[in-house]
Amino acid sequence: METLNFKTDIKCGGCVAAVTPYLNDIEQLDGWNVDTNSPDKILTVQTTDNRVGDTVRKAVERAGYKAEPMPRP
């Protein structure tokens, strides 16, 4: 299982609700979460396919938000 993190502008529960259908449509995701309390509003996704990052970014953008991949620690 891979974990990918993205810095986003998803700020609240309503924003999370807006991106939910887009992220849930990505078959390669095993789960995801947005930490709206973090200053960087971190979107964390769990996947078995680490090549899904661009798909996640585009899905968030289709919902009207931005997501930038963060370097792995």
C-alpha atoms as a PDB file:
ATOM      1  CA  MET A   1       0.000   0.000   0.000  1.00  0.00           C
ATOM      2  CA  GLU A   2       1.284   3.451  -0.946  1.00  0.00           C
ATOM      3  CA  THR A   3       0.389   6.724   0.756  1.00  0.00           C
ATOM      4  CA  LEU A   4       0.414   9.914  -1.305  1.00  0.00           C
ATOM      5  CA  ASN A   5       0.038  13.406   0.162  1.00  0.00           C
ATOM      6  CA  PHE A   6      -1.152  16.581  -1.551  1.00  0.00           C
ATOM      7  CA  LYS A   7      -1.204  20.179  -0.388  1.00  0.00           C
ATOM      8  CA  THR A   8      -4.697  21.511  -1.172  1.00  0.00           C
ATOM      9  CA  ASP A   9      -7.015  24.473  -0.744  1.00  0.00           C
ATOM     10  CA  ILE A  10      -9.841  22.260   0.601  1.00  0.00           C
ATOM     11  CA  LYS A  11     -10.823  24.266   3.693  1.00  0.00           C
ATOM     12  CA  CYS A  12     -14.002  22.865   5.224  1.00  0.00           C
ATOM     13  CA  GLY A  13     -16.485  20.027   5.396  1.00  0.00           C
ATOM     14  CA  GLY A  14     -18.440  21.485   2.484  1.00  0.00           C
ATOM     15  CA  CYS A  15     -15.287  21.497   0.381  1.00  0.00           C
ATOM     16  CA  VAL A  16     -14.617  17.873   1.336  1.00  0.00           C
ATOM     17  CA  ALA A  17     -18.177  17.008   0.303  1.00  0.00           C
ATOM     18  CA  ALA A  18     -17.573  18.687  -3.065  1.00  0.00           C
ATOM     19  CA  VAL A  19     -14.488  16.594  -3.873  1.00  0.00           C
ATOM     20  CA  THR A  20     -15.901  13.335  -2.466  1.00  0.00           C
ATOM     21  CA  PRO A  21     -17.646  12.060  -5.625  1.00  0.00           C
ATOM     22  CA  TYR A  22     -14.580  12.823  -7.757  1.00  0.00           C
ATOM     23  CA  LEU A  23     -12.156  11.019  -5.456  1.00  0.00           C
ATOM     24  CA  ASN A  24     -14.531   8.115  -4.844  1.00  0.00           C
ATOM     25  CA  ASP A  25     -14.658   7.527  -8.626  1.00  0.00           C
ATOM     26  CA  ILE A  26     -10.929   6.680  -8.714  1.00  0.00           C
ATOM     27  CA  GLU A  27     -10.811   2.881  -8.589  1.00  0.00           C
ATOM     28  CA  GLN A  28      -7.140   2.726  -7.537  1.00  0.00           C
ATOM     29  CA  LEU A  29      -7.814   4.535  -4.231  1.00  0.00           C
ATOM     30  CA  ASP A  30      -8.275   2.372  -1.169  1.00  0.00           C
ATOM     31  CA  GLY A  31      -9.086   5.376   1.005  1.00  0.00           C
ATOM     32  CA  TRP A  32      -8.525   9.095   1.391  1.00  0.00           C
ATOM     33  CA  ASN A  33      -8.766  11.854   3.980  1.00  0.00           C
ATOM     34  CA  VAL A  34      -8.356  15.641   4.125  1.00  0.00           C
ATOM     35  CA  ASP A  35      -6.859  17.210   7.245  1.00  0.00           C
ATOM     36  CA  THR A  36      -8.641  20.576   7.171  1.00  0.00           C
ATOM     37  CA  ASN A  37      -6.966  21.523  10.479  1.00  0.00           C
ATOM     38  CA  SER A  38      -3.513  21.395   8.896  1.00  0.00           C
ATOM     39  CA  PRO A  39      -2.191  24.714   7.513  1.00  0.00           C
ATOM     40  CA  ASP A  40      -1.500  22.936   4.196  1.00  0.00           C
ATOM     41  CA  LYS A  41      -4.933  21.199   4.136  1.00  0.00           C
ATOM     42  CA  ILE A  42      -3.262  17.839   3.465  1.00  0.00           C
ATOM     43  CA  LEU A  43      -5.109  15.315   1.308  1.00  0.00           C
ATOM     44  CA  THR A  44      -3.795  11.820   2.066  1.00  0.00           C
ATOM     45  CA  VAL A  45      -4.687   8.951  -0.258  1.00  0.00           C
ATOM     46  CA  GLN A  46      -3.997   5.253   0.145  1.00  0.00           C
ATOM     47  CA  THR A  47      -3.478   3.326  -3.058  1.00  0.00           C
ATOM     48  CA  THR A  48      -1.881   0.217  -4.462  1.00  0.00           C
ATOM     49  CA  ASP A  49      -0.827   2.199  -7.560  1.00  0.00           C
ATOM     50  CA  ASN A  50       1.621   5.044  -6.906  1.00  0.00           C
ATOM     51  CA  ARG A  51       1.090   6.297 -10.484  1.00  0.00           C
ATOM     52  CA  VAL A  52      -2.382   7.586  -9.560  1.00  0.00           C
ATOM     53  CA  GLY A  53      -1.113  10.980  -8.348  1.00  0.00           C
ATOM     54  CA  ASP A  54      -1.928  12.881 -11.529  1.00  0.00           C
ATOM     55  CA  THR A  55      -5.419  11.346 -11.591  1.00  0.00           C
ATOM     56  CA  VAL A  56      -6.006  12.519  -8.001  1.00  0.00           C
ATOM     57  CA  ARG A  57      -4.779  16.026  -8.818  1.00  0.00           C
ATOM     58  CA  LYS A  58      -7.084  16.266 -11.839  1.00  0.00           C
ATOM     59  CA  ALA A  59     -10.072  14.952  -9.860  1.00  0.00           C
ATOM     60  CA  VAL A  60      -9.590  17.622  -7.189  1.00  0.00           C
ATOM     61  CA  GLU A  61      -9.270  20.287  -9.902  1.00  0.00           C
ATOM     62  CA  ARG A  62     -12.509  19.110 -11.554  1.00  0.00           C
ATOM     63  CA  ALA A  63     -14.203  19.757  -8.202  1.00  0.00           C
ATOM     64  CA  GLY A  64     -12.862  23.332  -8.276  1.00  0.00           C
ATOM     65  CA  TYR A  65      -9.897  23.004  -5.912  1.00  0.00           C
ATOM     66  CA  LYS A  66      -6.126  22.702  -6.199  1.00  0.00           C
ATOM     67  CA  ALA A  67      -3.893  19.814  -5.176  1.00  0.00           C
ATOM     68  CA  GLU A  68      -0.108  19.829  -5.356  1.00  0.00           C
ATOM     69  CA  PRO A  69       1.835  16.592  -4.754  1.00  0.00           C
ATOM     70  CA  MET A  70       4.055  16.781  -1.700  1.00  0.00           C
ATOM     71  CA  PRO A  71       7.472  15.136  -1.613  1.00  0.00           C
ATOM     72  CA  ARG A  72       7.652  11.849   0.215  1.00  0.00           C
ATOM     73  CA  PRO A  73       9.411  11.990   3.584  1.00  0.00           C
END
